Amino acid sequence: MTRPLSEEVIEKIGEAGTLYYRLALVVGAAGAGKTGALREAAAHLGAPLVNVNLELSRRLLDLTGRQRPLQVRRLLDEIAAGSGSDVVLLDNLELLFDTALRQDPLRLLQGLSRRRTVAAAWNGFVEGNHVRYAVPGHPEYRSYPLDGVLAVGAGAVT
């Protein structure tokens, strides 16, 4: 019998706390249970679960198109810092992949995880020793090596 995803997330959050980048990715396709697992882990840990799309888009609304890419990192840090917790769980990250914002989503998350432990839902999949977002040819496609990245979920390896 396999363990619930939320238990694996809690375990990876504990492991991540000892690393340079205190980041754990919860990897899976849409509908795979990432949000539910993060919700359960947040309740268990007493940590906040942040809807990144909602919170970041609210802050970007007052900025011009030219200002937005320059402010994403700062705004994301403000969102996480505003939680007042050493552990933050992030869901709905799709906005970070928007080509108009010209960001490197994994690098953003890694930077965020230097000051606090972060568990983030990653709407994608693990293939070989890479974690992927979208499919090749899609404008938002990203592929990163799993070296130094903790990943948990369907088919995820560390």
C-alpha atoms as a PDB file:
ATOM      1  CA  MET A   1       0.000   0.000   0.000  1.00  0.00           C
ATOM      2  CA  THR A   2       1.327   3.423  -0.899  1.00  0.00           C
ATOM      3  CA  ARG A   3       1.473   6.278   1.559  1.00  0.00           C
ATOM      4  CA  PRO A   4      -0.783   9.287   1.142  1.00  0.00           C
ATOM      5  CA  LEU A   5       0.841  12.085  -0.849  1.00  0.00           C
ATOM      6  CA  SER A   6       0.390  14.483   2.082  1.00  0.00           C
ATOM      7  CA  GLU A   7       2.630  12.287   4.273  1.00  0.00           C
ATOM      8  CA  GLU A   8       5.309  12.300   1.594  1.00  0.00           C
ATOM      9  CA  VAL A   9       5.032  16.092   1.324  1.00  0.00           C
ATOM     10  CA  ILE A  10       5.468  16.483   5.099  1.00  0.00           C
ATOM     11  CA  GLU A  11       8.510  14.191   4.993  1.00  0.00           C
ATOM     12  CA  LYS A  12      10.098  16.136   2.107  1.00  0.00           C
ATOM     13  CA  ILE A  13       9.469  19.444   3.888  1.00  0.00           C
ATOM     14  CA  GLY A  14      11.432  18.054   6.836  1.00  0.00           C
ATOM     15  CA  GLU A  15      14.266  16.947   4.544  1.00  0.00           C
ATOM     16  CA  ALA A  16      14.272  20.274   2.698  1.00  0.00           C
ATOM     17  CA  GLY A  17      14.819  22.168   5.942  1.00  0.00           C
ATOM     18  CA  THR A  18      18.417  20.921   6.067  1.00  0.00           C
ATOM     19  CA  LEU A  19      19.368  21.865   2.484  1.00  0.00           C
ATOM     20  CA  TYR A  20      20.834  24.987   0.891  1.00  0.00           C
ATOM     21  CA  TYR A  21      17.654  25.434  -1.129  1.00  0.00           C
ATOM     22  CA  ARG A  22      14.896  24.481   1.302  1.00  0.00           C
ATOM     23  CA  LEU A  23      12.548  23.581  -1.545  1.00  0.00           C
ATOM     24  CA  ALA A  24      10.350  20.571  -2.197  1.00  0.00           C
ATOM     25  CA  LEU A  25       8.369  20.303  -5.434  1.00  0.00           C
ATOM     26  CA  VAL A  26       5.069  18.430  -5.395  1.00  0.00           C
ATOM     27  CA  VAL A  27       4.981  17.218  -8.983  1.00  0.00           C
ATOM     28  CA  GLY A  28       1.961  15.920 -10.854  1.00  0.00           C
ATOM     29  CA  ALA A  29      -0.519  16.529 -13.622  1.00  0.00           C
ATOM     30  CA  ALA A  30      -3.613  18.653 -13.107  1.00  0.00           C
ATOM     31  CA  GLY A  31      -6.053  16.733 -10.911  1.00  0.00           C
ATOM     32  CA  ALA A  32      -3.368  14.483  -9.398  1.00  0.00           C
ATOM     33  CA  GLY A  33      -4.113  15.626  -5.835  1.00  0.00           C
ATOM     34  CA  LYS A  34      -1.344  18.168  -5.301  1.00  0.00           C
ATOM     35  CA  THR A  35      -3.666  20.807  -3.818  1.00  0.00           C
ATOM     36  CA  GLY A  36      -5.308  18.339  -1.445  1.00  0.00           C
ATOM     37  CA  ALA A  37      -1.923  17.043  -0.293  1.00  0.00           C
ATOM     38  CA  LEU A  38      -0.662  20.591   0.277  1.00  0.00           C
ATOM     39  CA  ARG A  39      -3.843  21.474   2.175  1.00  0.00           C
ATOM     40  CA  GLU A  40      -3.425  18.456   4.474  1.00  0.00           C
ATOM     41  CA  ALA A  41       0.287  19.191   4.983  1.00  0.00           C
ATOM     42  CA  ALA A  42      -0.483  22.851   5.770  1.00  0.00           C
ATOM     43  CA  ALA A  43      -3.048  21.825   8.374  1.00  0.00           C
ATOM     44  CA  HIS A  44      -0.676  19.274   9.901  1.00  0.00           C
ATOM     45  CA  LEU A  45       2.255  21.721  10.040  1.00  0.00           C
ATOM     46  CA  GLY A  46       0.252  24.835  10.907  1.00  0.00           C
ATOM     47  CA  ALA A  47       1.784  26.502   7.853  1.00  0.00           C
ATOM     48  CA  PRO A  48       0.065  28.785   5.328  1.00  0.00           C
ATOM     49  CA  LEU A  49      -1.024  27.582   1.887  1.00  0.00           C
ATOM     50  CA  VAL A  50      -0.717  30.427  -0.625  1.00  0.00           C
ATOM     51  CA  ASN A  51      -2.495  30.641  -3.984  1.00  0.00           C
ATOM     52  CA  VAL A  52       0.339  32.254  -5.957  1.00  0.00           C
ATOM     53  CA  ASN A  53      -1.763  33.078  -9.031  1.00  0.00           C
ATOM     54  CA  LEU A  54      -4.276  34.989  -6.916  1.00  0.00           C
ATOM     55  CA  GLU A  55      -1.854  36.796  -4.623  1.00  0.00           C
ATOM     56  CA  LEU A  56       0.709  37.688  -7.269  1.00  0.00           C
ATOM     57  CA  SER A  57      -1.837  38.823  -9.858  1.00  0.00           C
ATOM     58  CA  ARG A  58      -3.406  41.162  -7.279  1.00  0.00           C
ATOM     59  CA  ARG A  59      -0.054  42.835  -6.748  1.00  0.00           C
ATOM     60  CA  LEU A  60       0.803  42.992 -10.455  1.00  0.00           C
ATOM     61  CA  LEU A  61      -2.442  44.761 -11.417  1.00  0.00           C
ATOM     62  CA  ASP A  62      -1.192  48.233 -10.508  1.00  0.00           C
ATOM     63  CA  LEU A  63       2.063  47.835 -12.442  1.00  0.00           C
ATOM     64  CA  THR A  64       2.715  48.512 -16.114  1.00  0.00           C
ATOM     65  CA  GLY A  65       3.656  45.712 -18.483  1.00  0.00           C
ATOM     66  CA  ARG A  66       7.275  46.853 -18.364  1.00  0.00           C
ATOM     67  CA  GLN A  67       7.374  46.944 -14.545  1.00  0.00           C
ATOM     68  CA  ARG A  68       5.837  43.512 -13.976  1.00  0.00           C
ATOM     69  CA  PRO A  69       8.830  41.309 -14.933  1.00  0.00           C
ATOM     70  CA  LEU A  70      11.094  43.480 -12.804  1.00  0.00           C
ATOM     71  CA  GLN A  71       8.915  43.208  -9.696  1.00  0.00           C
ATOM     72  CA  VAL A  72       7.909  39.511  -9.670  1.00  0.00           C
ATOM     73  CA  ARG A  73      10.774  38.330  -7.456  1.00  0.00           C
ATOM     74  CA  ARG A  74      10.219  41.089  -4.884  1.00  0.00           C
ATOM     75  CA  LEU A  75       6.453  40.585  -4.844  1.00  0.00           C
ATOM     76  CA  LEU A  76       6.758  36.820  -4.449  1.00  0.00           C
ATOM     77  CA  ASP A  77       9.141  37.356  -1.543  1.00  0.00           C
ATOM     78  CA  GLU A  78       6.676  39.798   0.058  1.00  0.00           C
ATOM     79  CA  ILE A  79       3.884  37.241  -0.295  1.00  0.00           C
ATOM     80  CA  ALA A  80       5.937  34.529   1.412  1.00  0.00           C
ATOM     81  CA  ALA A  81       7.268  36.878   4.099  1.00  0.00           C
ATOM     82  CA  GLY A  82       3.740  38.110   4.807  1.00  0.00           C
ATOM     83  CA  SER A  83       2.792  34.617   5.898  1.00  0.00           C
ATOM     84  CA  GLY A  84       4.920  35.028   9.024  1.00  0.00           C
ATOM     85  CA  SER A  85       5.956  31.377   8.878  1.00  0.00           C
ATOM     86  CA  ASP A  86       9.242  29.534   8.374  1.00  0.00           C
ATOM     87  CA  VAL A  87       7.378  27.033   6.184  1.00  0.00           C
ATOM     88  CA  VAL A  88       5.234  28.159   3.244  1.00  0.00           C
ATOM     89  CA  LEU A  89       3.257  25.979   0.873  1.00  0.00           C
ATOM     90  CA  LEU A  90       2.602  27.376  -2.596  1.00  0.00           C
ATOM     91  CA  ASP A  91      -0.136  26.296  -4.980  1.00  0.00           C
ATOM     92  CA  ASN A  92      -1.263  27.490  -8.424  1.00  0.00           C
ATOM     93  CA  LEU A  93       2.098  28.638  -9.787  1.00  0.00           C
ATOM     94  CA  GLU A  94       1.057  28.915 -13.434  1.00  0.00           C
ATOM     95  CA  LEU A  95       1.509  32.701 -13.504  1.00  0.00           C
ATOM     96  CA  LEU A  96       5.241  32.264 -12.868  1.00  0.00           C
ATOM     97  CA  PHE A  97       5.509  30.482 -16.231  1.00  0.00           C
ATOM     98  CA  ASP A  98       3.751  33.252 -18.187  1.00  0.00           C
ATOM     99  CA  THR A  99       6.144  34.199 -20.994  1.00  0.00           C
ATOM    100  CA  ALA A 100       5.210  37.896 -20.658  1.00  0.00           C
ATOM    101  CA  LEU A 101       6.785  37.923 -17.176  1.00  0.00           C
ATOM    102  CA  ARG A 102      10.104  36.518 -18.492  1.00  0.00           C
ATOM    103  CA  GLN A 103      10.907  34.579 -15.310  1.00  0.00           C
ATOM    104  CA  ASP A 104      12.763  31.391 -14.462  1.00  0.00           C
ATOM    105  CA  PRO A 105      10.213  29.728 -12.138  1.00  0.00           C
ATOM    106  CA  LEU A 106      12.565  27.223 -10.526  1.00  0.00           C
ATOM    107  CA  ARG A 107      15.147  29.917  -9.840  1.00  0.00           C
ATOM    108  CA  LEU A 108      12.431  32.112  -8.276  1.00  0.00           C
ATOM    109  CA  LEU A 109      11.367  29.269  -5.992  1.00  0.00           C
ATOM    110  CA  GLN A 110      14.961  28.468  -5.081  1.00  0.00           C
ATOM    111  CA  GLY A 111      15.607  32.103  -4.164  1.00  0.00           C
ATOM    112  CA  LEU A 112      12.469  32.137  -2.063  1.00  0.00           C
ATOM    113  CA  SER A 113      13.581  28.968  -0.288  1.00  0.00           C
ATOM    114  CA  ARG A 114      16.824  30.490   1.011  1.00  0.00           C
ATOM    115  CA  ARG A 115      14.947  32.285   3.829  1.00  0.00           C
ATOM    116  CA  ARG A 116      12.220  29.734   4.524  1.00  0.00           C
ATOM    117  CA  THR A 117      11.223  26.177   3.680  1.00  0.00           C
ATOM    118  CA  VAL A 118       8.988  26.080   0.610  1.00  0.00           C
ATOM    119  CA  ALA A 119       6.817  23.281  -0.751  1.00  0.00           C
ATOM    120  CA  ALA A 120       5.401  24.150  -4.161  1.00  0.00           C
ATOM    121  CA  ALA A 121       2.911  22.431  -6.449  1.00  0.00           C
ATOM    122  CA  TRP A 122       4.510  21.836  -9.860  1.00  0.00           C
ATOM    123  CA  ASN A 123       1.989  21.122 -12.578  1.00  0.00           C
ATOM    124  CA  GLY A 124       4.129  18.821 -14.681  1.00  0.00           C
ATOM    125  CA  PHE A 125       5.942  15.536 -14.554  1.00  0.00           C
ATOM    126  CA  VAL A 126       9.244  13.841 -13.871  1.00  0.00           C
ATOM    127  CA  GLU A 127      10.910  12.255 -16.872  1.00  0.00           C
ATOM    128  CA  GLY A 128      14.216  10.524 -16.295  1.00  0.00           C
ATOM    129  CA  ASN A 129      16.313  12.854 -14.183  1.00  0.00           C
ATOM    130  CA  HIS A 130      14.389  16.015 -15.178  1.00  0.00           C
ATOM    131  CA  VAL A 131      11.312  17.761 -13.899  1.00  0.00           C
ATOM    132  CA  ARG A 132       9.217  19.233 -16.708  1.00  0.00           C
ATOM    133  CA  TYR A 133       6.503  21.845 -17.049  1.00  0.00           C
ATOM    134  CA  ALA A 134       4.291  21.726 -20.181  1.00  0.00           C
ATOM    135  CA  VAL A 135       5.378  19.815 -23.289  1.00  0.00           C
ATOM    136  CA  PRO A 136       8.186  20.568 -25.747  1.00  0.00           C
ATOM    137  CA  GLY A 137       7.097  23.180 -28.263  1.00  0.00           C
ATOM    138  CA  HIS A 138       4.703  24.882 -25.830  1.00  0.00           C
ATOM    139  CA  PRO A 139       5.752  28.509 -25.132  1.00  0.00           C
ATOM    140  CA  GLU A 140       5.835  27.873 -21.368  1.00  0.00           C
ATOM    141  CA  TYR A 141       7.792  24.600 -21.612  1.00  0.00           C
ATOM    142  CA  ARG A 142      10.519  24.231 -18.991  1.00  0.00           C
ATOM    143  CA  SER A 143      12.826  21.347 -18.164  1.00  0.00           C
ATOM    144  CA  TYR A 144      15.197  21.279 -15.210  1.00  0.00           C
ATOM    145  CA  PRO A 145      17.602  18.603 -13.959  1.00  0.00           C
ATOM    146  CA  LEU A 146      16.588  17.108 -10.639  1.00  0.00           C
ATOM    147  CA  ASP A 147      20.108  17.565  -9.245  1.00  0.00           C
ATOM    148  CA  GLY A 148      19.638  19.145  -5.829  1.00  0.00           C
ATOM    149  CA  VAL A 149      15.849  19.367  -6.244  1.00  0.00           C
ATOM    150  CA  LEU A 150      13.563  17.430  -3.912  1.00  0.00           C
ATOM    151  CA  ALA A 151      10.500  16.175  -5.776  1.00  0.00           C
ATOM    152  CA  VAL A 152       7.541  14.170  -4.575  1.00  0.00           C
ATOM    153  CA  GLY A 153       4.466  12.937  -6.417  1.00  0.00           C
ATOM    154  CA  ALA A 154       3.379  10.536  -9.084  1.00  0.00           C
ATOM    155  CA  GLY A 155       6.538   9.163 -10.685  1.00  0.00           C
ATOM    156  CA  ALA A 156       8.752  11.662  -8.839  1.00  0.00           C
ATOM    157  CA  VAL A 157      12.198  10.731  -7.671  1.00  0.00           C
ATOM    158  CA  THR A 158      14.766  12.595  -5.605  1.00  0.00           C
END
